Amino acid sequence: MPSKKSHIQLYADECFPVPSAIYLRSLGYSIVHAFDKKLIRKKDRIHLAEAKKLNRVVITVDRDFLYYNEINLNKHPGVIVVSVGSTTPIHINKVCLKLFKNISPDFVKNSLVKASIDKIVKTKNGKTVLKKIL
């Protein structure tokens, strides 16, 4: 079971499946879902602000985050976009488990991380700073 101190504190936006959030919780990950905070049908900027307030990394399957040029992640815990061919929880869970073995809260801080089953791409201020094969 993961240590709560060594793992990322997560905030799942409304696009992240609730069953995946429940699964990650069952493994010991600290994750708050937008549903828990009554933040359903809110704009992405609301989710970013809530995650910052809670000092948690946003985790989402919403690819819109990849294309926002105006997102300022300075002094933000960061954003993880899980990119899978199918957004069913079983596929998302596989990517998350593989991803969390390879990153830390410091890795994500102030960054946007796109994670797929076979690679991680980290961007800061709109520029790719790391590509890692998993």
Protein backbone atom coordinates (compact mmCIF):
# COMPACT_ATOMS: atom_id res chain seq x y z
CA MET A 1 0.00 0.00 0.00
CA PRO A 2 1.43 3.43 -0.90
CA SER A 3 2.64 5.76 1.79
CA LYS A 4 0.48 8.84 2.09
CA LYS A 5 3.58 10.98 2.71
CA SER A 6 5.48 9.87 -0.37
CA HIS A 7 2.71 10.05 -2.94
CA ILE A 8 0.98 12.77 -4.80
CA GLN A 9 -2.09 14.35 -3.27
CA LEU A 10 -4.68 14.33 -6.07
CA TYR A 11 -7.73 16.35 -7.06
CA ALA A 12 -9.79 14.58 -9.73
CA ASP A 13 -11.83 16.90 -11.90
CA GLU A 14 -15.32 15.97 -13.04
CA CYS A 15 -14.00 14.21 -16.18
CA PHE A 16 -11.97 11.72 -14.16
CA PRO A 17 -14.12 8.62 -13.55
CA VAL A 18 -15.39 8.24 -9.99
CA PRO A 19 -14.69 4.45 -10.09
CA SER A 20 -11.01 5.23 -10.81
CA ALA A 21 -10.88 7.67 -7.91
CA ILE A 22 -12.40 5.03 -5.63
CA TYR A 23 -9.92 2.45 -6.89
CA LEU A 24 -6.95 4.73 -6.21
CA ARG A 25 -8.31 5.49 -2.72
CA SER A 26 -8.58 1.75 -2.06
CA LEU A 27 -4.85 1.49 -2.79
CA GLY A 28 -4.08 4.22 -0.27
CA TYR A 29 -3.73 7.22 -2.58
CA SER A 30 -5.11 10.50 -1.29
CA ILE A 31 -7.62 11.70 -3.88
CA VAL A 32 -10.50 14.16 -3.68
CA HIS A 33 -13.01 14.11 -6.53
CA ALA A 34 -14.85 17.19 -7.81
CA PHE A 35 -18.04 15.32 -6.96
CA ASP A 36 -16.94 15.26 -3.29
CA LYS A 37 -16.60 19.06 -3.37
CA LYS A 38 -19.89 19.59 -5.26
CA LEU A 39 -17.97 21.05 -8.21
CA ILE A 40 -19.67 19.27 -11.08
CA ARG A 41 -20.30 21.19 -14.33
CA LYS A 42 -17.76 23.86 -13.42
CA LYS A 43 -15.17 25.40 -15.71
CA ASP A 44 -11.65 24.01 -15.75
CA ARG A 45 -10.31 27.18 -14.14
CA ILE A 46 -12.53 26.46 -11.10
CA HIS A 47 -10.98 22.99 -10.79
CA LEU A 48 -7.48 24.46 -11.10
CA ALA A 49 -8.23 27.00 -8.38
CA GLU A 50 -9.72 24.37 -6.06
CA ALA A 51 -6.73 22.08 -6.53
CA LYS A 52 -4.36 24.94 -5.78
CA LYS A 53 -6.35 25.87 -2.67
CA LEU A 54 -6.18 22.24 -1.49
CA ASN A 55 -2.52 21.90 -2.59
CA ARG A 56 -3.38 18.91 -4.76
CA VAL A 57 -2.40 17.91 -8.29
CA VAL A 58 -5.27 17.96 -10.78
CA ILE A 59 -5.77 14.60 -12.46
CA THR A 60 -8.05 14.46 -15.48
CA VAL A 61 -8.78 12.74 -18.76
CA ASP A 62 -9.91 16.08 -20.23
CA ARG A 63 -7.53 16.72 -23.13
CA ASP A 64 -8.59 20.38 -23.21
CA PHE A 65 -5.92 20.99 -20.57
CA LEU A 66 -3.27 20.13 -23.17
CA TYR A 67 -4.31 23.06 -25.36
CA TYR A 68 -4.79 25.89 -22.89
CA ASN A 69 -2.09 28.45 -23.55
CA GLU A 70 -3.26 30.72 -20.77
CA ILE A 71 -2.89 28.22 -17.91
CA ASN A 72 -0.38 29.57 -15.45
CA LEU A 73 0.92 26.70 -13.36
CA ASN A 74 3.53 28.73 -11.50
CA LYS A 75 3.05 28.05 -7.79
CA HIS A 76 0.52 25.32 -8.64
CA PRO A 77 0.81 21.66 -7.60
CA GLY A 78 0.44 20.73 -11.29
CA VAL A 79 -1.84 18.92 -13.71
CA ILE A 80 -1.78 15.33 -14.93
CA VAL A 81 -3.72 14.49 -18.09
CA VAL A 82 -4.23 10.75 -18.43
CA SER A 83 -4.34 9.97 -22.13
CA VAL A 84 -5.80 6.60 -23.05
CA GLY A 85 -7.53 5.25 -26.13
CA SER A 86 -10.48 4.24 -24.01
CA THR A 87 -11.60 6.25 -21.00
CA THR A 88 -12.92 3.21 -19.17
CA PRO A 89 -11.69 2.98 -15.58
CA ILE A 90 -9.70 -0.22 -16.19
CA HIS A 91 -7.51 1.54 -18.79
CA ILE A 92 -7.17 4.70 -16.71
CA ASN A 93 -6.22 2.66 -13.63
CA LYS A 94 -3.42 0.89 -15.54
CA VAL A 95 -1.93 4.21 -16.68
CA CYS A 96 -2.21 5.71 -13.19
CA LEU A 97 -0.49 2.79 -11.48
CA LYS A 98 2.37 2.85 -13.96
CA LEU A 99 2.64 6.63 -13.76
CA PHE A 100 2.68 6.88 -9.97
CA LYS A 101 5.61 4.45 -9.81
CA ASN A 102 7.64 6.90 -11.91
CA ILE A 103 6.84 10.37 -10.59
CA SER A 104 6.77 12.42 -7.39
CA PRO A 105 4.93 15.55 -6.28
CA ASP A 106 8.04 17.61 -7.09
CA PHE A 107 8.07 16.18 -10.63
CA VAL A 108 4.56 17.49 -11.31
CA LYS A 109 4.81 20.83 -9.46
CA ASN A 110 4.34 23.87 -11.74
CA SER A 111 3.96 21.50 -14.73
CA LEU A 112 1.53 19.80 -17.05
CA VAL A 113 2.19 16.07 -17.38
CA LYS A 114 0.60 13.99 -20.12
CA ALA A 115 0.66 10.30 -19.25
CA SER A 116 -0.12 7.37 -21.50
CA ILE A 117 0.50 3.66 -21.01
CA ASP A 118 3.96 3.90 -22.56
CA LYS A 119 5.28 7.44 -21.96
CA ILE A 120 5.25 10.62 -19.92
CA VAL A 121 5.58 14.08 -21.45
CA LYS A 122 6.21 16.98 -19.09
CA THR A 123 5.71 20.60 -20.14
CA LYS A 124 6.41 23.84 -18.32
CA ASN A 125 5.28 27.20 -19.59
CA GLY A 126 4.14 25.60 -22.85
CA LYS A 127 7.51 23.96 -23.61
CA THR A 128 8.28 20.25 -23.46
CA VAL A 129 10.99 19.70 -20.86
CA LEU A 130 10.98 15.89 -20.63
CA LYS A 131 9.83 12.85 -22.56
CA LYS A 132 10.18 9.53 -20.76
CA ILE A 133 9.37 6.08 -22.06
CA LEU A 134 7.72 3.84 -19.44
